[in-house]
Amino acid sequence: MSQSSITAVVLVKSPGTAMWEGVGTRKFATLPRINEFIELEIAERIFLYRVVAVVHPGNVTHNAGHIFAVQLGKKSAVLEALFHKV
């Protein structure tokens, strides 16, 4: 059984920047929802991003949606802070 994937163009915003930056396309089993975290490797470091908008494709034959996400920080630091809150 093959698992299908959805390709999405990912645009991110880092702290202190005013502009969105495209980081290419990524494959997802399902498109993430608003407020979910996605993990991206940038310059050999892993960061967590919070999804703030998802634009679904208007044409079902072209399955590239757009995901807008803001950087929360390095994955290890974000997870440590998150688990200390609980």
N, C-alpha and C. Protein backbone atom coordinates (compact mmCIF):
# COMPACT_ATOMS: atom_id res chain seq x y z
N MET A 1 0.83 -1.16 0.00
CA MET A 1 0.00 0.00 0.00
C MET A 1 0.88 1.24 0.00
N SER A 2 0.75 2.10 -1.00
CA SER A 2 1.58 3.30 -1.03
C SER A 2 0.86 4.45 -0.34
N GLN A 3 1.63 5.23 0.37
CA GLN A 3 1.08 6.37 1.07
C GLN A 3 1.28 7.60 0.20
N SER A 4 0.21 8.31 -0.09
CA SER A 4 0.34 9.50 -0.90
C SER A 4 0.81 10.66 -0.03
N SER A 5 1.39 11.63 -0.66
CA SER A 5 1.85 12.81 0.08
C SER A 5 1.40 14.06 -0.65
N ILE A 6 1.37 15.13 0.10
CA ILE A 6 0.98 16.43 -0.43
C ILE A 6 2.22 17.30 -0.44
N THR A 7 2.49 17.90 -1.56
CA THR A 7 3.62 18.82 -1.66
C THR A 7 3.12 20.22 -1.36
N ALA A 8 3.87 20.93 -0.53
CA ALA A 8 3.50 22.30 -0.18
C ALA A 8 4.72 23.20 -0.26
N VAL A 9 4.50 24.40 -0.71
CA VAL A 9 5.53 25.43 -0.69
C VAL A 9 5.52 26.01 0.72
N VAL A 10 6.70 26.07 1.34
CA VAL A 10 6.79 26.55 2.71
C VAL A 10 7.45 27.93 2.73
N LEU A 11 6.76 28.88 3.36
CA LEU A 11 7.28 30.22 3.55
C LEU A 11 7.39 30.48 5.04
N VAL A 12 8.54 30.98 5.47
CA VAL A 12 8.78 31.17 6.90
C VAL A 12 9.15 32.61 7.20
N LYS A 13 8.93 32.95 8.45
CA LYS A 13 9.32 34.26 8.95
C LYS A 13 10.13 34.03 10.21
N SER A 14 11.33 34.57 10.23
CA SER A 14 12.21 34.43 11.39
C SER A 14 12.04 35.64 12.30
N PRO A 15 12.37 35.48 13.59
CA PRO A 15 12.26 36.62 14.51
C PRO A 15 13.08 37.81 14.02
N GLY A 16 12.50 38.98 14.11
CA GLY A 16 13.19 40.20 13.72
C GLY A 16 13.19 40.52 12.24
N THR A 17 12.53 39.69 11.44
CA THR A 17 12.47 39.97 10.00
C THR A 17 11.06 40.41 9.62
N ALA A 18 10.99 41.23 8.60
CA ALA A 18 9.69 41.73 8.15
C ALA A 18 9.15 40.94 6.96
N MET A 19 10.02 40.23 6.27
CA MET A 19 9.62 39.57 5.04
C MET A 19 9.52 38.05 5.22
N TRP A 20 8.65 37.44 4.45
CA TRP A 20 8.53 35.98 4.40
C TRP A 20 9.61 35.46 3.46
N GLU A 21 10.19 34.33 3.80
CA GLU A 21 11.23 33.71 2.99
C GLU A 21 10.78 32.33 2.55
N GLY A 22 10.85 32.07 1.27
CA GLY A 22 10.52 30.75 0.76
C GLY A 22 11.66 29.79 1.03
N VAL A 23 11.35 28.63 1.59
CA VAL A 23 12.39 27.64 1.87
C VAL A 23 12.20 26.38 1.02
N GLY A 24 11.44 26.52 -0.05
CA GLY A 24 11.26 25.41 -0.97
C GLY A 24 9.99 24.62 -0.70
N THR A 25 9.91 23.48 -1.35
CA THR A 25 8.74 22.62 -1.17
C THR A 25 9.09 21.49 -0.22
N ARG A 26 8.09 21.05 0.49
CA ARG A 26 8.23 19.92 1.41
C ARG A 26 7.05 18.99 1.19
N LYS A 27 7.24 17.71 1.48
CA LYS A 27 6.16 16.73 1.36
C LYS A 27 5.59 16.45 2.74
N PHE A 28 4.28 16.37 2.82
CA PHE A 28 3.56 16.10 4.06
C PHE A 28 2.55 14.99 3.79
N ALA A 29 2.31 14.14 4.77
CA ALA A 29 1.26 13.13 4.63
C ALA A 29 -0.10 13.82 4.56
N THR A 30 -0.26 14.85 5.37
CA THR A 30 -1.43 15.73 5.32
C THR A 30 -0.93 17.15 5.57
N LEU A 31 -1.63 18.14 5.06
CA LEU A 31 -1.22 19.51 5.32
C LEU A 31 -1.37 19.80 6.81
N PRO A 32 -0.37 20.44 7.41
CA PRO A 32 -0.51 20.78 8.83
C PRO A 32 -1.60 21.83 9.01
N ARG A 33 -2.11 21.90 10.22
CA ARG A 33 -3.17 22.86 10.55
C ARG A 33 -2.56 24.08 11.24
N ILE A 34 -3.31 25.15 11.28
CA ILE A 34 -2.87 26.36 11.97
C ILE A 34 -2.60 26.01 13.43
N ASN A 35 -1.52 26.54 13.95
CA ASN A 35 -1.01 26.36 15.31
C ASN A 35 -0.27 25.05 15.53
N GLU A 36 -0.21 24.18 14.55
CA GLU A 36 0.63 23.00 14.67
C GLU A 36 2.08 23.40 14.40
N PHE A 37 3.01 22.57 14.91
CA PHE A 37 4.43 22.81 14.68
C PHE A 37 4.89 21.99 13.48
N ILE A 38 5.80 22.57 12.72
CA ILE A 38 6.50 21.80 11.71
C ILE A 38 7.99 21.96 11.98
N GLU A 39 8.75 20.96 11.60
CA GLU A 39 10.18 20.92 11.83
C GLU A 39 10.88 21.10 10.49
N LEU A 40 11.83 22.03 10.45
CA LEU A 40 12.60 22.26 9.23
C LEU A 40 14.08 22.33 9.56
N GLU A 41 14.88 21.76 8.68
CA GLU A 41 16.32 21.87 8.84
C GLU A 41 16.79 23.05 8.00
N ILE A 42 17.40 24.02 8.67
CA ILE A 42 17.90 25.22 8.00
C ILE A 42 19.38 25.36 8.38
N ALA A 43 20.24 25.41 7.40
CA ALA A 43 21.69 25.55 7.63
C ALA A 43 22.20 24.52 8.64
N GLU A 44 21.80 23.27 8.44
CA GLU A 44 22.22 22.14 9.26
C GLU A 44 21.78 22.22 10.72
N ARG A 45 20.77 23.03 11.01
CA ARG A 45 20.17 23.10 12.34
C ARG A 45 18.68 22.85 12.21
N ILE A 46 18.11 22.23 13.23
CA ILE A 46 16.69 21.91 13.19
C ILE A 46 15.92 22.93 14.02
N PHE A 47 14.94 23.56 13.37
CA PHE A 47 14.10 24.57 14.00
C PHE A 47 12.65 24.12 14.00
N LEU A 48 11.90 24.60 14.97
CA LEU A 48 10.45 24.40 14.98
C LEU A 48 9.78 25.69 14.56
N TYR A 49 8.73 25.53 13.77
CA TYR A 49 7.94 26.65 13.26
C TYR A 49 6.48 26.40 13.61
N ARG A 50 5.76 27.48 13.94
CA ARG A 50 4.32 27.37 14.20
C ARG A 50 3.59 27.81 12.95
N VAL A 51 2.71 26.97 12.46
CA VAL A 51 1.95 27.27 11.25
C VAL A 51 0.92 28.36 11.56
N VAL A 52 0.93 29.42 10.76
CA VAL A 52 -0.01 30.53 10.97
C VAL A 52 -1.04 30.64 9.84
N ALA A 53 -0.77 30.01 8.71
CA ALA A 53 -1.74 30.02 7.61
C ALA A 53 -1.45 28.86 6.68
N VAL A 54 -2.52 28.29 6.13
CA VAL A 54 -2.42 27.22 5.13
C VAL A 54 -3.31 27.61 3.97
N VAL A 55 -2.73 27.66 2.79
CA VAL A 55 -3.50 27.97 1.59
C VAL A 55 -3.60 26.69 0.78
N HIS A 56 -4.81 26.17 0.67
CA HIS A 56 -5.02 24.93 -0.07
C HIS A 56 -5.05 25.22 -1.56
N PRO A 57 -4.60 24.26 -2.36
CA PRO A 57 -4.59 24.48 -3.81
C PRO A 57 -6.02 24.59 -4.35
N GLY A 58 -6.19 25.46 -5.31
CA GLY A 58 -7.50 25.64 -5.92
C GLY A 58 -7.80 24.59 -6.97
N ASN A 59 -6.79 23.91 -7.44
CA ASN A 59 -6.93 22.92 -8.50
C ASN A 59 -6.48 21.57 -7.96
N VAL A 60 -7.37 20.62 -7.88
CA VAL A 60 -7.04 19.33 -7.27
C VAL A 60 -5.98 18.55 -8.05
N THR A 61 -5.77 18.87 -9.30
CA THR A 61 -4.73 18.17 -10.05
C THR A 61 -3.35 18.75 -9.73
N HIS A 62 -3.31 19.91 -9.14
CA HIS A 62 -2.06 20.56 -8.74
C HIS A 62 -2.09 20.64 -7.23
N ASN A 63 -1.40 19.71 -6.55
CA ASN A 63 -1.58 19.60 -5.11
C ASN A 63 -0.58 20.38 -4.27
N ALA A 64 0.02 21.42 -4.80
CA ALA A 64 0.97 22.21 -4.03
C ALA A 64 0.25 23.35 -3.32
N GLY A 65 0.02 23.16 -2.03
CA GLY A 65 -0.52 24.24 -1.22
C GLY A 65 0.61 25.12 -0.73
N HIS A 66 0.28 26.11 0.06
CA HIS A 66 1.28 27.00 0.66
C HIS A 66 1.10 26.99 2.16
N ILE A 67 2.21 26.88 2.87
CA ILE A 67 2.20 26.90 4.32
C ILE A 67 3.03 28.09 4.77
N PHE A 68 2.45 28.93 5.64
CA PHE A 68 3.15 30.06 6.22
C PHE A 68 3.40 29.73 7.69
N ALA A 69 4.66 29.86 8.14
CA ALA A 69 5.01 29.48 9.50
C ALA A 69 6.04 30.45 10.08
N VAL A 70 5.93 30.68 11.39
CA VAL A 70 6.88 31.57 12.06
C VAL A 70 7.82 30.73 12.93
N GLN A 71 9.06 31.14 12.92
CA GLN A 71 10.08 30.38 13.66
C GLN A 71 9.93 30.59 15.16
N LEU A 72 9.93 29.48 15.90
CA LEU A 72 9.87 29.52 17.35
C LEU A 72 11.26 29.42 17.96
N GLY A 73 12.17 28.75 17.28
CA GLY A 73 13.53 28.59 17.77
C GLY A 73 14.06 27.22 17.46
N LYS A 74 15.25 26.94 17.99
CA LYS A 74 15.85 25.63 17.80
C LYS A 74 14.97 24.59 18.47
N LYS A 75 14.84 23.45 17.82
CA LYS A 75 13.93 22.41 18.28
C LYS A 75 14.19 22.03 19.73
N SER A 76 15.42 21.81 20.10
CA SER A 76 15.73 21.38 21.47
C SER A 76 15.30 22.42 22.50
N ALA A 77 15.53 23.69 22.22
CA ALA A 77 15.17 24.76 23.16
C ALA A 77 13.66 24.92 23.27
N VAL A 78 12.96 24.84 22.16
CA VAL A 78 11.50 24.98 22.16
C VAL A 78 10.86 23.83 22.93
N LEU A 79 11.31 22.61 22.67
CA LEU A 79 10.73 21.46 23.37
C LEU A 79 11.03 21.51 24.86
N GLU A 80 12.23 21.91 25.22
CA GLU A 80 12.58 22.02 26.64
C GLU A 80 11.68 23.04 27.34
N ALA A 81 11.49 24.20 26.73
CA ALA A 81 10.61 25.22 27.31
C ALA A 81 9.17 24.73 27.39
N LEU A 82 8.71 24.05 26.37
CA LEU A 82 7.35 23.54 26.33
C LEU A 82 7.10 22.51 27.44
N PHE A 83 8.03 21.60 27.62
CA PHE A 83 7.85 20.56 28.63
C PHE A 83 7.99 21.10 30.05
N HIS A 84 8.72 22.20 30.23
CA HIS A 84 8.84 22.79 31.58
C HIS A 84 7.58 23.54 31.97
N LYS A 85 6.76 23.93 30.99
CA LYS A 85 5.49 24.63 31.27
C LYS A 85 4.41 23.68 31.77
N VAL A 86 4.54 22.39 31.40
CA VAL A 86 3.48 21.44 31.71
C VAL A 86 3.55 21.00 33.15
